[in-house]
Amino acid sequence: MILNLTLDGAPALLVKVDGERFAMTTARAYAPGTPLRAAIDGTTELLSLKVSRSIRSAEGAYEIQGRLVNVTRPLRTLLDSQSP
């Protein structure tokens, strides 16, 4: 699964959703507990997220891990349709 997102005006990639857990890559780190809202490109859907941790890769990007918050039924359907 890879979904293009816009987070704080910058591009991000949602690379994994497993139940309520997520992983995405971004250009910056976020502190644990930070609430985030990201727009899914090409839709009107917004993801509400809560950060658990940020891990810097060798390339300089960050993998942000955490959990989804307040997932609506249409959003869950969209996320499930993107899973392999």
N, C-alpha and C. Protein backbone atom coordinates (compact mmCIF):
# COMPACT_ATOMS: atom_id res chain seq x y z
N MET A 1 0.84 -1.18 0.00
CA MET A 1 0.00 0.00 0.00
C MET A 1 0.88 1.23 0.00
N ILE A 2 0.59 2.14 -0.88
CA ILE A 2 1.23 3.45 -0.84
C ILE A 2 0.17 4.47 -1.23
N LEU A 3 -0.11 5.40 -0.32
CA LEU A 3 -1.04 6.48 -0.59
C LEU A 3 -0.29 7.80 -0.45
N ASN A 4 -0.47 8.68 -1.42
CA ASN A 4 0.14 10.01 -1.34
C ASN A 4 -0.70 10.87 -0.42
N LEU A 5 -0.02 11.55 0.50
CA LEU A 5 -0.67 12.43 1.47
C LEU A 5 -0.07 13.82 1.38
N THR A 6 -0.80 14.78 1.92
CA THR A 6 -0.26 16.11 2.17
C THR A 6 -0.35 16.34 3.67
N LEU A 7 0.80 16.58 4.29
CA LEU A 7 0.90 16.74 5.73
C LEU A 7 1.66 18.02 6.01
N ASP A 8 1.03 18.96 6.68
CA ASP A 8 1.65 20.26 6.96
C ASP A 8 2.13 20.94 5.68
N GLY A 9 1.38 20.78 4.60
CA GLY A 9 1.73 21.41 3.34
C GLY A 9 2.84 20.72 2.56
N ALA A 10 3.34 19.61 3.08
CA ALA A 10 4.44 18.88 2.43
C ALA A 10 3.97 17.47 2.05
N PRO A 11 4.60 16.87 1.04
CA PRO A 11 4.20 15.51 0.66
C PRO A 11 4.65 14.48 1.69
N ALA A 12 3.85 13.43 1.82
CA ALA A 12 4.17 12.30 2.68
C ALA A 12 3.58 11.06 2.00
N LEU A 13 4.08 9.89 2.39
CA LEU A 13 3.57 8.62 1.84
C LEU A 13 3.10 7.73 2.97
N LEU A 14 1.85 7.30 2.89
CA LEU A 14 1.33 6.30 3.82
C LEU A 14 1.73 4.96 3.25
N VAL A 15 2.60 4.23 3.94
CA VAL A 15 3.14 2.99 3.37
C VAL A 15 2.56 1.73 4.00
N LYS A 16 1.90 1.86 5.17
CA LYS A 16 1.38 0.66 5.82
C LYS A 16 0.24 1.04 6.76
N VAL A 17 -0.83 0.25 6.70
CA VAL A 17 -1.90 0.32 7.68
C VAL A 17 -2.21 -1.10 8.09
N ASP A 18 -2.15 -1.34 9.39
CA ASP A 18 -2.43 -2.66 9.94
C ASP A 18 -3.41 -2.47 11.10
N GLY A 19 -4.70 -2.63 10.80
CA GLY A 19 -5.71 -2.34 11.82
C GLY A 19 -5.72 -0.85 12.10
N GLU A 20 -5.38 -0.48 13.32
CA GLU A 20 -5.33 0.94 13.69
C GLU A 20 -3.92 1.51 13.64
N ARG A 21 -2.92 0.69 13.35
CA ARG A 21 -1.52 1.13 13.30
C ARG A 21 -1.16 1.57 11.88
N PHE A 22 -0.28 2.57 11.78
CA PHE A 22 0.14 3.06 10.48
C PHE A 22 1.64 3.32 10.47
N ALA A 23 2.20 3.41 9.27
CA ALA A 23 3.58 3.86 9.05
C ALA A 23 3.56 4.73 7.80
N MET A 24 4.25 5.86 7.88
CA MET A 24 4.37 6.74 6.72
C MET A 24 5.76 7.34 6.68
N THR A 25 6.16 7.82 5.52
CA THR A 25 7.45 8.47 5.38
C THR A 25 7.22 9.96 5.13
N THR A 26 8.05 10.78 5.76
CA THR A 26 7.96 12.23 5.65
C THR A 26 9.37 12.81 5.64
N ALA A 27 9.43 14.10 5.38
CA ALA A 27 10.72 14.79 5.36
C ALA A 27 11.14 15.28 6.74
N ARG A 28 10.25 15.24 7.72
CA ARG A 28 10.59 15.70 9.06
C ARG A 28 10.07 14.76 10.14
N ALA A 29 10.63 14.88 11.30
CA ALA A 29 10.24 14.04 12.44
C ALA A 29 9.11 14.73 13.22
N TYR A 30 8.35 13.93 13.94
CA TYR A 30 7.31 14.43 14.82
C TYR A 30 7.48 13.77 16.18
N ALA A 31 7.26 14.52 17.23
CA ALA A 31 7.42 14.01 18.59
C ALA A 31 6.31 13.01 18.93
N PRO A 32 6.62 12.02 19.77
CA PRO A 32 5.59 11.08 20.21
C PRO A 32 4.42 11.83 20.85
N GLY A 33 3.22 11.39 20.52
CA GLY A 33 2.02 12.01 21.06
C GLY A 33 1.47 13.14 20.20
N THR A 34 2.21 13.56 19.17
CA THR A 34 1.76 14.64 18.32
C THR A 34 0.54 14.21 17.50
N PRO A 35 -0.56 14.97 17.58
CA PRO A 35 -1.70 14.67 16.71
C PRO A 35 -1.45 15.28 15.34
N LEU A 36 -1.77 14.53 14.29
CA LEU A 36 -1.58 15.00 12.92
C LEU A 36 -2.86 14.84 12.13
N ARG A 37 -3.05 15.72 11.13
CA ARG A 37 -4.14 15.58 10.17
C ARG A 37 -3.52 15.64 8.80
N ALA A 38 -3.76 14.63 8.01
CA ALA A 38 -3.18 14.54 6.67
C ALA A 38 -4.30 14.34 5.65
N ALA A 39 -4.17 15.03 4.53
CA ALA A 39 -5.14 14.89 3.44
C ALA A 39 -4.66 13.81 2.49
N ILE A 40 -5.56 12.93 2.09
CA ILE A 40 -5.24 11.91 1.09
C ILE A 40 -5.39 12.57 -0.28
N ASP A 41 -4.31 12.63 -1.02
CA ASP A 41 -4.32 13.29 -2.33
C ASP A 41 -5.36 12.67 -3.24
N GLY A 42 -6.09 13.51 -3.96
CA GLY A 42 -7.09 13.04 -4.90
C GLY A 42 -8.44 12.73 -4.27
N THR A 43 -8.58 12.95 -2.96
CA THR A 43 -9.85 12.72 -2.27
C THR A 43 -10.14 13.90 -1.34
N THR A 44 -11.29 13.85 -0.72
CA THR A 44 -11.62 14.86 0.30
C THR A 44 -11.41 14.30 1.70
N GLU A 45 -10.89 13.08 1.79
CA GLU A 45 -10.71 12.41 3.08
C GLU A 45 -9.50 12.97 3.84
N LEU A 46 -9.66 13.09 5.15
CA LEU A 46 -8.56 13.48 6.04
C LEU A 46 -8.28 12.35 7.00
N LEU A 47 -7.01 12.07 7.23
CA LEU A 47 -6.59 11.08 8.23
C LEU A 47 -6.25 11.81 9.52
N SER A 48 -6.79 11.34 10.62
CA SER A 48 -6.39 11.82 11.94
C SER A 48 -5.44 10.78 12.51
N LEU A 49 -4.26 11.21 12.90
CA LEU A 49 -3.20 10.30 13.34
C LEU A 49 -2.62 10.76 14.67
N LYS A 50 -2.06 9.83 15.40
CA LYS A 50 -1.33 10.13 16.64
C LYS A 50 0.02 9.43 16.53
N VAL A 51 1.08 10.18 16.68
CA VAL A 51 2.44 9.67 16.48
C VAL A 51 2.91 8.86 17.69
N SER A 52 3.52 7.71 17.41
CA SER A 52 4.17 6.90 18.45
C SER A 52 5.67 7.11 18.44
N ARG A 53 6.25 7.16 17.21
CA ARG A 53 7.70 7.34 17.10
C ARG A 53 8.09 7.77 15.70
N SER A 54 9.25 8.40 15.61
CA SER A 54 9.84 8.80 14.33
C SER A 54 11.22 8.17 14.24
N ILE A 55 11.50 7.55 13.11
CA ILE A 55 12.78 6.86 12.91
C ILE A 55 13.44 7.45 11.67
N ARG A 56 14.67 7.94 11.81
CA ARG A 56 15.38 8.51 10.67
C ARG A 56 16.05 7.41 9.86
N SER A 57 15.87 7.43 8.55
CA SER A 57 16.51 6.44 7.68
C SER A 57 17.86 6.97 7.23
N ALA A 58 18.65 6.10 6.62
CA ALA A 58 19.97 6.47 6.13
C ALA A 58 19.88 7.54 5.04
N GLU A 59 18.75 7.57 4.31
CA GLU A 59 18.57 8.54 3.23
C GLU A 59 18.16 9.91 3.75
N GLY A 60 17.84 10.03 5.04
CA GLY A 60 17.46 11.30 5.62
C GLY A 60 15.97 11.50 5.81
N ALA A 61 15.14 10.64 5.24
CA ALA A 61 13.69 10.72 5.44
C ALA A 61 13.35 10.12 6.81
N TYR A 62 12.14 10.33 7.26
CA TYR A 62 11.69 9.78 8.54
C TYR A 62 10.54 8.83 8.33
N GLU A 63 10.55 7.72 9.05
CA GLU A 63 9.39 6.83 9.10
C GLU A 63 8.64 7.19 10.37
N ILE A 64 7.40 7.60 10.21
CA ILE A 64 6.56 7.96 11.33
C ILE A 64 5.62 6.79 11.59
N GLN A 65 5.57 6.34 12.83
CA GLN A 65 4.69 5.24 13.21
C GLN A 65 3.71 5.74 14.26
N GLY A 66 2.52 5.17 14.26
CA GLY A 66 1.53 5.57 15.25
C GLY A 66 0.22 4.85 15.03
N ARG A 67 -0.86 5.53 15.43
CA ARG A 67 -2.18 4.92 15.28
C ARG A 67 -3.15 5.89 14.63
N LEU A 68 -4.12 5.31 13.94
CA LEU A 68 -5.20 6.08 13.33
C LEU A 68 -6.19 6.46 14.41
N VAL A 69 -6.79 7.63 14.29
CA VAL A 69 -7.76 8.11 15.26
C VAL A 69 -9.06 8.45 14.52
N ASN A 70 -10.20 8.08 15.07
CA ASN A 70 -11.51 8.43 14.51
C ASN A 70 -11.66 8.05 13.05
N VAL A 71 -11.44 6.80 12.73
CA VAL A 71 -11.55 6.34 11.34
C VAL A 71 -13.02 6.12 11.00
N THR A 72 -13.48 6.82 9.97
CA THR A 72 -14.87 6.66 9.53
C THR A 72 -14.99 5.41 8.66
N ARG A 73 -16.20 4.95 8.48
CA ARG A 73 -16.43 3.77 7.64
C ARG A 73 -15.97 4.00 6.20
N PRO A 74 -16.28 5.16 5.56
CA PRO A 74 -15.78 5.38 4.19
C PRO A 74 -14.26 5.42 4.12
N LEU A 75 -13.63 6.00 5.13
CA LEU A 75 -12.16 6.04 5.15
C LEU A 75 -11.58 4.64 5.31
N ARG A 76 -12.17 3.83 6.16
CA ARG A 76 -11.71 2.45 6.36
C ARG A 76 -11.85 1.67 5.04
N THR A 77 -12.94 1.87 4.34
CA THR A 77 -13.15 1.21 3.05
C THR A 77 -12.07 1.63 2.06
N LEU A 78 -11.74 2.91 2.03
CA LEU A 78 -10.69 3.40 1.14
C LEU A 78 -9.35 2.79 1.50
N LEU A 79 -9.01 2.76 2.78
CA LEU A 79 -7.73 2.18 3.21
C LEU A 79 -7.67 0.68 2.91
N ASP A 80 -8.77 -0.02 3.17
CA ASP A 80 -8.80 -1.46 2.90
C ASP A 80 -8.68 -1.76 1.41
N SER A 81 -9.23 -0.89 0.56
CA SER A 81 -9.14 -1.12 -0.89
C SER A 81 -7.72 -0.92 -1.41
N GLN A 82 -6.89 -0.23 -0.66
CA GLN A 82 -5.50 0.01 -1.08
C GLN A 82 -4.55 -1.07 -0.60
N SER A 83 -5.01 -1.91 0.32
CA SER A 83 -4.16 -2.98 0.86
C SER A 83 -4.05 -4.11 -0.14
N PRO A 84 -2.85 -4.76 -0.19
CA PRO A 84 -2.67 -5.87 -1.13
C PRO A 84 -3.48 -7.09 -0.75
